[in-house]
Amino acid sequence: MTNSLPLTSSITQLIEEVKQHYQTEPKLQQLFENCFVNTYQTTIRPQPDGTTFVITGDIPAMWLRDSAAQVRPYLMLANEDPVIADMIKGVIKRQFSFIDHDPYANAFNEEANGNRYHEDQTKMTDWIWERKYEIDSLCYPIQLAYLYWKATGDTEHFNDTFQQAVQKILQVWKTEQRHHEDSDYHFVRDNCPAQDTLSHDGAGAPVEYTGMTWSGFRPSDDACKYGYLVPANMFAVVSLQQLSEIATEVLRDVELAAKAEKLAQEIDQGIKEYGTIDHPTYGQIYVYETDGLGNHVLMDDANVPSLLSMPYLGYCPFDDKIYQNTRKFLLSEDNPYYFSGKAASGIGSPHTPDQYIWHIALAIQGLTSIEEEEKQRITGLFQTTDADENLMHEGFHVDDPTQYTRPWFSWANSMFSEFLLSRMGRIVTGSPLEKWAAQNK
């Protein structure tokens, strides 16, 4: 499936810039060109109403999370290229119209055709492809809207639909602070693996109030074991702070700014109180999930938001002590989803087979590293784990990269592109990485 949008001059110029920078490394040149062009030419669907629909690649639906991550590297061109700017603004408008339609859904159809992944027991409409409630599905569109504003100065996307949708986001996150008392969200899928449905008649396992906000599912679309997904709550804190800035500086909405700030503080307090443990080997580290009842899970997942991605998302500085302790744990055999083999070492996911590493996780490891040697090693891994296809995949086997999942997975292509551009000093305007780079020149 392809609509082959014509490449803009800014895209072809950036490809040339990358080729010049890596002129002695033809493999990197080819990887970047293929990955950067692939997302633009095969997943972007301009709509008659001026919005932009984005498929994930091999699935014809638009995920709120994936679509934001897929177009993120193109933000670097948005200020100089009105075609790219309009494309990204169209994505933002489409995302917020979907959130306004149903803030609990994670993936949507291009039109109201009733297509769906599965006939699930939850409140479905013809627009919804899947209704797995994930905090990050609401964070990513706020992040994209904020970064687009920072990159271009354009504020036209902060329209009535945006303002209605963010009120719904705040309402959902407030409601889900007391999920079992206040929420009517439920999700049941029949005849499926346990990670594809929620326990306790679709309401999920018991949780106690912590200040954090509940999530049914992880960014992998797998069910949470314990309802407070710490990296997603971290992302929510950052998104609420970004929303407060938008409300203050653009919308002049003092009430919205105050509501966003208050909720951010409540969630952050919950993370600080319930989201860390003292590990006998690593010291104070963040847990992946907790329930406020004394249970937690120690792991990380390749999908973003992850614990590894905390500084990339803006929750903490790149050299933060608790983050660095957590990072050491995550990139060790003590993380049950860290795998080492003949071809590579890195983080995988319970969403994919055992011993499979994700290219997204390698990109995040590189983007969050403060060690040049580690960045260089990861740059090398990308060149040797693409199965000679010059595209990234979802997961690949640690001993044999020719065994992989999802041949057409745009999010991974975009993450690789962003990592490689960051090695050249090309960074998304307004992002935490830009601030870190400026401090460490």
Protein backbone atom coordinates (compact mmCIF):
# COMPACT_ATOMS: atom_id res chain seq x y z
CA MET A 1 0.00 0.00 0.00
CA THR A 2 1.52 3.32 -1.02
CA ASN A 3 0.36 6.73 -2.07
CA SER A 4 3.91 7.89 -2.95
CA LEU A 5 3.75 11.52 -1.95
CA PRO A 6 6.35 13.48 -3.93
CA LEU A 7 9.39 14.30 -1.82
CA THR A 8 9.74 17.97 -0.96
CA SER A 9 12.99 19.80 -1.63
CA SER A 10 13.67 20.07 2.12
CA ILE A 11 13.55 16.27 2.44
CA THR A 12 15.90 15.72 -0.50
CA GLN A 13 18.25 18.41 0.85
CA LEU A 14 18.31 16.76 4.29
CA ILE A 15 19.10 13.41 2.71
CA GLU A 16 22.01 15.04 0.89
CA GLU A 17 23.15 16.64 4.13
CA VAL A 18 23.18 13.23 5.81
CA LYS A 19 25.09 11.71 2.89
CA GLN A 20 27.72 14.44 3.15
CA HIS A 21 28.05 14.00 6.88
CA TYR A 22 28.39 10.21 6.61
CA GLN A 23 30.21 10.21 3.27
CA THR A 24 32.55 7.38 4.32
CA GLU A 25 29.64 5.24 5.58
CA PRO A 26 27.42 4.25 2.63
CA LYS A 27 25.35 1.88 4.74
CA LEU A 28 24.24 4.72 7.06
CA GLN A 29 23.45 6.87 4.02
CA GLN A 30 21.21 4.17 2.57
CA LEU A 31 19.55 3.37 5.90
CA PHE A 32 18.64 7.00 6.50
CA GLU A 33 17.38 7.65 3.00
CA ASN A 34 15.17 4.55 3.03
CA CYS A 35 13.83 5.05 6.56
CA PHE A 36 13.17 8.78 6.24
CA VAL A 37 11.50 8.46 2.84
CA ASN A 38 9.54 5.34 3.78
CA THR A 39 7.44 7.01 6.48
CA TYR A 40 6.69 10.02 4.29
CA GLN A 41 5.83 8.13 1.13
CA THR A 42 4.01 5.09 2.48
CA THR A 43 2.13 6.09 5.65
CA ILE A 44 0.96 9.70 5.19
CA ARG A 45 -2.64 10.12 3.93
CA PRO A 46 -3.67 13.76 3.24
CA GLN A 47 -7.43 14.19 3.74
CA PRO A 48 -9.93 16.38 1.84
CA ASP A 49 -10.59 18.42 5.00
CA GLY A 50 -6.93 19.43 5.31
CA THR A 51 -6.12 16.97 8.10
CA THR A 52 -3.61 14.13 7.78
CA PHE A 53 -4.29 10.46 8.47
CA VAL A 54 -1.22 8.31 9.24
CA ILE A 55 -1.20 4.52 9.08
CA THR A 56 1.36 2.61 11.21
CA GLY A 57 2.70 0.74 8.19
CA ASP A 58 1.39 -2.81 7.99
CA ILE A 59 -1.88 -1.93 9.81
CA PRO A 60 -4.31 0.44 8.06
CA ALA A 61 -5.34 2.27 11.27
CA MET A 62 -3.98 5.46 12.86
CA TRP A 63 -2.60 5.10 16.36
CA LEU A 64 -2.48 8.37 18.30
CA ARG A 65 0.93 7.38 19.72
CA ASP A 66 2.58 6.00 16.61
CA SER A 67 1.41 8.78 14.30
CA ALA A 68 2.97 11.45 16.53
CA ALA A 69 6.26 9.55 16.76
CA GLN A 70 6.25 8.81 13.01
CA VAL A 71 6.12 12.47 11.97
CA ARG A 72 8.30 13.84 14.80
CA PRO A 73 11.63 13.92 12.86
CA TYR A 74 9.97 16.00 10.11
CA LEU A 75 9.49 18.79 12.69
CA MET A 76 13.12 19.67 11.92
CA LEU A 77 11.97 20.76 8.44
CA ALA A 78 8.63 22.35 9.35
CA ASN A 79 9.93 25.89 9.81
CA GLU A 80 11.42 26.03 6.31
CA ASP A 81 8.95 23.85 4.39
CA PRO A 82 5.24 24.82 4.35
CA VAL A 83 4.26 21.45 2.83
CA ILE A 84 5.82 19.59 5.77
CA ALA A 85 4.35 22.11 8.23
CA ASP A 86 0.85 21.62 6.81
CA MET A 87 1.26 17.83 6.88
CA ILE A 88 2.21 17.84 10.59
CA LYS A 89 -0.46 20.39 11.49
CA GLY A 90 -2.94 18.13 9.70
CA VAL A 91 -1.83 15.19 11.86
CA ILE A 92 -2.35 17.26 15.02
CA LYS A 93 -5.82 18.38 13.94
CA ARG A 94 -6.81 14.81 13.09
CA GLN A 95 -5.47 13.52 16.42
CA PHE A 96 -7.42 16.03 18.50
CA SER A 97 -10.62 15.42 16.54
CA PHE A 98 -10.21 11.72 17.37
CA ILE A 99 -9.58 12.48 21.07
CA ASP A 100 -12.65 14.71 21.07
CA HIS A 101 -14.58 11.77 19.62
CA ASP A 102 -13.38 9.32 22.31
CA PRO A 103 -10.42 9.96 24.65
CA TYR A 104 -10.29 6.29 25.65
CA ALA A 105 -9.57 4.92 22.16
CA ASN A 106 -6.00 4.29 20.98
CA ALA A 107 -6.47 3.70 17.22
CA PHE A 108 -8.88 5.02 14.60
CA ASN A 109 -10.10 4.44 11.05
CA GLU A 110 -9.59 6.74 8.09
CA GLU A 111 -13.36 7.03 7.76
CA ALA A 112 -16.35 5.88 9.80
CA ASN A 113 -16.37 2.42 8.19
CA GLY A 114 -16.73 0.20 11.27
CA ASN A 115 -13.42 -1.57 10.66
CA ARG A 116 -11.82 -2.85 13.85
CA TYR A 117 -9.11 -5.12 15.13
CA HIS A 118 -11.56 -7.29 17.08
CA GLU A 119 -15.16 -7.25 18.30
CA ASP A 120 -14.29 -6.18 21.84
CA GLN A 121 -16.66 -5.61 24.74
CA THR A 122 -16.26 -1.86 25.24
CA LYS A 123 -17.97 1.28 23.87
CA MET A 124 -17.12 1.18 20.16
CA THR A 125 -18.08 3.46 17.24
CA ASP A 126 -17.53 3.17 13.49
CA TRP A 127 -14.51 5.51 13.75
CA ILE A 128 -12.67 3.35 16.29
CA TRP A 129 -10.26 0.60 15.24
CA GLU A 130 -9.33 -0.31 18.84
CA ARG A 131 -10.30 1.04 22.26
CA LYS A 132 -7.45 0.04 24.54
CA TYR A 133 -7.06 2.91 26.98
CA GLU A 134 -3.42 4.04 27.25
CA ILE A 135 -2.24 7.23 28.95
CA ASP A 136 0.41 7.81 26.29
CA SER A 137 -2.22 7.99 23.52
CA LEU A 138 -3.23 11.32 25.07
CA CYS A 139 0.32 12.50 25.83
CA TYR A 140 1.78 12.14 22.34
CA PRO A 141 -0.66 14.52 20.60
CA ILE A 142 -0.03 17.21 23.26
CA GLN A 143 3.72 16.74 22.81
CA LEU A 144 3.44 16.99 19.02
CA ALA A 145 1.21 20.09 19.20
CA TYR A 146 3.68 21.72 21.61
CA LEU A 147 6.79 20.88 19.56
CA TYR A 148 5.13 21.99 16.32
CA TRP A 149 4.41 25.37 17.96
CA LYS A 150 8.02 25.62 19.15
CA ALA A 151 9.37 24.66 15.72
CA THR A 152 7.20 27.00 13.65
CA GLY A 153 5.63 29.63 15.91
CA ASP A 154 2.27 28.65 14.36
CA THR A 155 -0.65 28.52 16.83
CA GLU A 156 -3.54 27.90 14.44
CA HIS A 157 -3.83 24.26 15.57
CA PHE A 158 -4.79 25.38 19.10
CA ASN A 159 -8.36 25.68 17.85
CA ASP A 160 -11.75 24.90 19.41
CA THR A 161 -11.35 21.16 18.81
CA PHE A 162 -7.95 21.20 20.54
CA GLN A 163 -9.41 23.07 23.52
CA GLN A 164 -12.41 20.71 23.79
CA ALA A 165 -10.15 17.67 23.52
CA VAL A 166 -7.66 18.78 26.19
CA GLN A 167 -10.54 19.38 28.61
CA LYS A 168 -11.55 15.75 27.98
CA ILE A 169 -7.96 14.61 28.56
CA LEU A 170 -7.87 16.41 31.92
CA GLN A 171 -11.23 14.89 32.83
CA VAL A 172 -10.11 11.37 31.93
CA TRP A 173 -6.85 11.65 33.86
CA LYS A 174 -8.71 13.02 36.91
CA THR A 175 -11.33 10.25 36.69
CA GLU A 176 -8.68 7.56 36.33
CA GLN A 177 -6.91 8.69 39.52
CA ARG A 178 -9.73 6.73 41.18
CA HIS A 179 -10.35 4.18 38.46
CA HIS A 180 -12.43 1.61 40.33
CA GLU A 181 -14.56 4.23 42.07
CA ASP A 182 -15.15 6.80 39.31
CA SER A 183 -14.57 5.22 35.89
CA ASP A 184 -16.94 3.26 33.69
CA TYR A 185 -14.16 2.26 31.26
CA HIS A 186 -13.91 -1.48 30.75
CA PHE A 187 -12.37 -3.67 28.09
CA VAL A 188 -12.88 -7.39 27.44
CA ARG A 189 -11.53 -9.33 24.46
CA ASP A 190 -12.64 -12.93 24.03
CA ASN A 191 -10.45 -15.86 22.96
CA CYS A 192 -7.15 -13.99 23.19
CA PRO A 193 -3.85 -14.08 25.10
CA ALA A 194 -4.10 -12.70 28.66
CA GLN A 195 -2.17 -9.54 27.75
CA ASP A 196 -4.87 -8.52 25.22
CA THR A 197 -7.69 -8.09 27.73
CA LEU A 198 -8.28 -6.62 31.19
CA SER A 199 -8.85 -8.85 34.21
CA HIS A 200 -11.65 -8.45 36.78
CA ASP A 201 -14.49 -8.33 34.23
CA GLY A 202 -12.64 -5.79 32.11
CA ALA A 203 -11.90 -3.31 34.93
CA GLY A 204 -8.31 -4.40 35.60
CA ALA A 205 -6.62 -5.46 38.83
CA PRO A 206 -7.33 -3.58 42.09
CA VAL A 207 -5.43 -0.35 42.75
CA GLU A 208 -5.33 2.14 45.64
CA TYR A 209 -5.27 5.93 45.20
CA THR A 210 -1.72 7.25 44.76
CA GLY A 211 -2.14 10.53 42.88
CA MET A 212 -1.04 8.83 39.68
CA THR A 213 -3.54 8.17 36.90
CA TRP A 214 -4.53 4.63 35.89
CA SER A 215 -3.80 3.03 32.51
CA GLY A 216 -5.46 -0.07 31.12
CA PHE A 217 -2.71 -0.83 28.66
CA ARG A 218 0.96 -0.20 28.00
CA PRO A 219 2.30 1.57 24.87
CA SER A 220 2.85 -1.94 23.50
CA ASP A 221 -0.97 -2.35 23.62
CA ASP A 222 -0.42 -5.14 26.21
CA ALA A 223 -2.49 -4.97 29.41
CA CYS A 224 -0.86 -3.45 32.49
CA LYS A 225 -0.19 -5.93 35.30
CA TYR A 226 -0.59 -3.16 37.90
CA GLY A 227 -2.66 -0.12 36.98
CA TYR A 228 -0.17 2.68 37.56
CA LEU A 229 2.25 2.60 34.63
CA VAL A 230 5.09 4.78 35.89
CA PRO A 231 6.73 5.89 32.59
CA ALA A 232 3.30 6.81 31.17
CA ASN A 233 2.58 8.87 34.29
CA MET A 234 5.96 10.59 33.84
CA PHE A 235 4.97 11.43 30.27
CA ALA A 236 1.64 12.77 31.55
CA VAL A 237 3.46 15.11 33.96
CA VAL A 238 5.52 16.54 31.07
CA SER A 239 2.48 16.81 28.79
CA LEU A 240 0.51 18.66 31.46
CA GLN A 241 3.38 21.10 31.95
CA GLN A 242 3.47 21.65 28.17
CA LEU A 243 -0.32 22.15 28.16
CA SER A 244 0.00 24.69 30.98
CA GLU A 245 2.54 26.64 28.91
CA ILE A 246 0.24 26.55 25.86
CA ALA A 247 -2.70 27.69 28.00
CA THR A 248 -0.68 30.55 29.51
CA GLU A 249 1.20 31.84 26.48
CA VAL A 250 -1.18 31.14 23.60
CA LEU A 251 -4.72 30.58 24.85
CA ARG A 252 -4.51 33.04 27.76
CA ASP A 253 -6.61 30.54 29.69
CA VAL A 254 -5.60 30.90 33.34
CA GLU A 255 -8.07 28.25 34.52
CA LEU A 256 -6.81 25.60 32.08
CA ALA A 257 -3.19 26.35 33.02
CA ALA A 258 -3.98 26.02 36.73
CA LYS A 259 -5.88 22.74 36.24
CA ALA A 260 -3.02 21.27 34.21
CA GLU A 261 -0.40 22.35 36.77
CA LYS A 262 -2.37 20.98 39.71
CA LEU A 263 -2.90 17.60 38.07
CA ALA A 264 0.78 17.44 37.05
CA GLN A 265 1.78 18.03 40.68
CA GLU A 266 -0.59 15.34 41.97
CA ILE A 267 0.68 12.75 39.50
CA ASP A 268 4.32 13.70 40.10
CA GLN A 269 3.85 13.39 43.85
CA GLY A 270 2.43 9.91 43.29
CA ILE A 271 5.45 8.92 41.19
CA LYS A 272 7.85 10.18 43.86
CA GLU A 273 5.97 8.42 46.66
CA TYR A 274 5.05 5.12 45.02
CA GLY A 275 7.18 4.87 41.87
CA THR A 276 10.63 4.07 43.27
CA ILE A 277 12.25 1.35 45.37
CA ASP A 278 15.67 0.89 46.97
CA HIS A 279 17.35 -1.87 44.96
CA PRO A 280 20.13 -3.85 46.72
CA THR A 281 22.40 -3.57 43.65
CA TYR A 282 21.43 -0.32 41.91
CA GLY A 283 20.22 1.93 44.73
CA GLN A 284 17.06 4.00 44.26
CA ILE A 285 15.42 3.11 40.95
CA TYR A 286 12.03 3.60 39.29
CA VAL A 287 9.60 0.69 39.00
CA TYR A 288 7.73 0.04 35.74
CA GLU A 289 4.27 -0.45 37.28
CA THR A 290 2.75 -0.34 40.75
CA ASP A 291 -0.71 -0.53 42.28
CA GLY A 292 -0.49 1.53 45.49
CA LEU A 293 -1.06 -1.70 47.42
CA GLY A 294 2.59 -2.67 47.81
CA ASN A 295 3.03 -4.54 44.52
CA HIS A 296 5.32 -3.49 41.67
CA VAL A 297 7.03 -4.87 38.59
CA LEU A 298 10.71 -4.26 37.81
CA MET A 299 11.30 -4.24 34.05
CA ASP A 300 11.21 -2.03 31.01
CA ASP A 301 9.50 -2.38 27.66
CA ALA A 302 10.91 -1.29 24.31
CA ASN A 303 7.82 0.78 23.54
CA VAL A 304 7.92 4.49 24.42
CA PRO A 305 7.11 5.82 27.02
CA SER A 306 9.59 3.57 28.75
CA LEU A 307 11.71 4.12 31.84
CA LEU A 308 14.72 4.34 29.53
CA SER A 309 13.07 7.22 27.65
CA MET A 310 12.50 9.47 30.72
CA PRO A 311 14.99 12.26 29.83
CA TYR A 312 14.11 12.04 26.11
CA LEU A 313 10.49 12.78 27.06
CA GLY A 314 11.57 15.52 29.46
CA TYR A 315 10.72 14.08 32.87
CA CYS A 316 14.24 14.38 34.28
CA PRO A 317 17.74 15.53 33.26
CA PHE A 318 19.83 13.07 31.25
CA ASP A 319 22.35 12.83 34.13
CA ASP A 320 19.75 12.53 36.92
CA LYS A 321 21.01 10.14 39.60
CA ILE A 322 17.85 8.03 40.02
CA TYR A 323 17.54 7.83 36.23
CA GLN A 324 21.15 6.72 35.86
CA ASN A 325 20.64 4.07 38.57
CA THR A 326 17.50 2.91 36.78
CA ARG A 327 19.31 2.90 33.43
CA LYS A 328 22.03 0.60 34.79
CA PHE A 329 19.31 -1.81 35.92
CA LEU A 330 17.40 -1.60 32.62
CA LEU A 331 20.51 -2.31 30.53
CA SER A 332 21.42 -5.38 32.55
CA GLU A 333 20.33 -9.01 32.75
CA ASP A 334 18.31 -8.04 35.86
CA ASN A 335 15.74 -6.49 33.50
CA PRO A 336 13.80 -9.56 32.30
CA TYR A 337 13.42 -7.99 28.83
CA TYR A 338 17.07 -7.13 28.26
CA PHE A 339 18.58 -9.63 25.85
CA SER A 340 22.16 -10.28 24.73
CA GLY A 341 23.26 -12.37 21.77
CA LYS A 342 25.75 -12.74 18.93
CA ALA A 343 24.27 -9.88 16.89
CA ALA A 344 23.28 -7.33 19.54
CA SER A 345 22.26 -6.53 23.11
CA GLY A 346 19.26 -4.41 23.98
CA ILE A 347 15.73 -4.17 25.33
CA GLY A 348 12.82 -6.16 23.92
CA SER A 349 9.22 -6.55 24.98
CA PRO A 350 6.75 -9.15 26.27
CA HIS A 351 4.77 -8.09 23.18
CA THR A 352 7.25 -9.92 20.91
CA PRO A 353 9.03 -13.30 21.19
CA ASP A 354 11.71 -14.04 23.77
CA GLN A 355 15.25 -12.92 22.77
CA TYR A 356 13.96 -10.27 20.35
CA ILE A 357 15.45 -6.74 20.64
CA TRP A 358 13.61 -3.66 19.33
CA HIS A 359 15.13 -1.02 17.07
CA ILE A 360 13.01 1.58 18.89
CA ALA A 361 14.71 0.65 22.17
CA LEU A 362 18.16 0.92 20.55
CA ALA A 363 17.27 4.39 19.25
CA ILE A 364 16.09 5.49 22.71
CA GLN A 365 19.23 4.04 24.29
CA GLY A 366 21.30 6.12 21.88
CA LEU A 367 19.20 9.28 22.26
CA THR A 368 19.41 9.13 26.08
CA SER A 369 23.07 8.17 26.37
CA ILE A 370 25.60 10.67 27.72
CA GLU A 371 28.53 8.48 26.57
CA GLU A 372 29.93 9.00 23.06
CA GLU A 373 31.24 5.42 22.95
CA GLU A 374 27.75 4.02 23.62
CA LYS A 375 26.23 6.22 20.90
CA GLN A 376 28.87 5.04 18.44
CA ARG A 377 28.26 1.39 19.29
CA ILE A 378 24.52 1.77 18.75
CA THR A 379 25.11 3.53 15.42
CA GLY A 380 27.06 0.41 14.43
CA LEU A 381 24.29 -1.93 15.59
CA PHE A 382 21.73 -0.27 13.32
CA GLN A 383 23.98 -1.04 10.35
CA THR A 384 24.23 -4.74 11.14
CA THR A 385 20.71 -5.60 12.34
CA ASP A 386 18.46 -4.48 9.45
CA ALA A 387 18.54 -7.90 7.72
CA ASP A 388 20.15 -6.11 4.72
CA GLU A 389 16.81 -4.46 3.91
CA ASN A 390 17.82 -0.87 4.77
CA LEU A 391 14.72 -0.51 6.95
CA MET A 392 14.11 -0.93 10.66
CA HIS A 393 11.85 -3.58 12.14
CA GLU A 394 9.88 -4.05 15.32
CA GLY A 395 11.89 -6.82 17.01
CA PHE A 396 14.80 -8.94 15.77
CA HIS A 397 16.48 -12.03 17.21
CA VAL A 398 19.63 -11.31 19.23
CA ASP A 399 21.58 -13.99 17.33
CA ASP A 400 20.04 -13.60 13.88
CA PRO A 401 18.57 -10.24 12.69
CA THR A 402 17.08 -11.95 9.62
CA GLN A 403 14.47 -13.29 12.06
CA TYR A 404 12.31 -10.25 12.75
CA THR A 405 8.74 -9.03 13.31
CA ARG A 406 6.91 -6.44 11.16
CA PRO A 407 8.73 -5.68 7.90
CA TRP A 408 6.87 -2.35 7.54
CA PHE A 409 6.91 -0.53 10.89
CA SER A 410 7.15 3.20 10.43
CA TRP A 411 7.66 4.17 14.09
CA ALA A 412 10.98 2.30 14.16
CA ASN A 413 12.12 3.96 10.92
CA SER A 414 11.39 7.41 12.36
CA MET A 415 13.12 6.68 15.66
CA PHE A 416 16.26 5.57 13.83
CA SER A 417 16.11 8.71 11.67
CA GLU A 418 15.84 10.95 14.73
CA PHE A 419 18.78 9.20 16.40
CA LEU A 420 21.01 9.49 13.34
CA LEU A 421 20.13 13.17 12.85
CA SER A 422 20.93 13.84 16.52
CA ARG A 423 24.45 12.51 15.87
CA MET A 424 24.83 15.38 13.39
CA GLY A 425 23.50 17.96 15.84
CA ARG A 426 20.10 18.04 14.09
CA ILE A 427 17.57 18.06 16.94
CA VAL A 428 13.85 18.83 17.25
CA THR A 429 13.34 22.44 18.38
CA GLY A 430 11.94 22.76 21.90
CA SER A 431 12.74 19.15 22.80
CA PRO A 432 14.58 18.11 25.99
CA LEU A 433 17.42 16.86 23.80
CA GLU A 434 17.90 20.37 22.38
CA LYS A 435 18.17 21.84 25.88
CA TRP A 436 20.63 19.14 26.97
CA ALA A 437 22.78 19.64 23.85
CA ALA A 438 22.88 23.42 24.45
CA GLN A 439 24.04 22.89 28.04
CA ASN A 440 26.76 20.46 27.02
CA LYS A 441 28.36 22.15 24.02
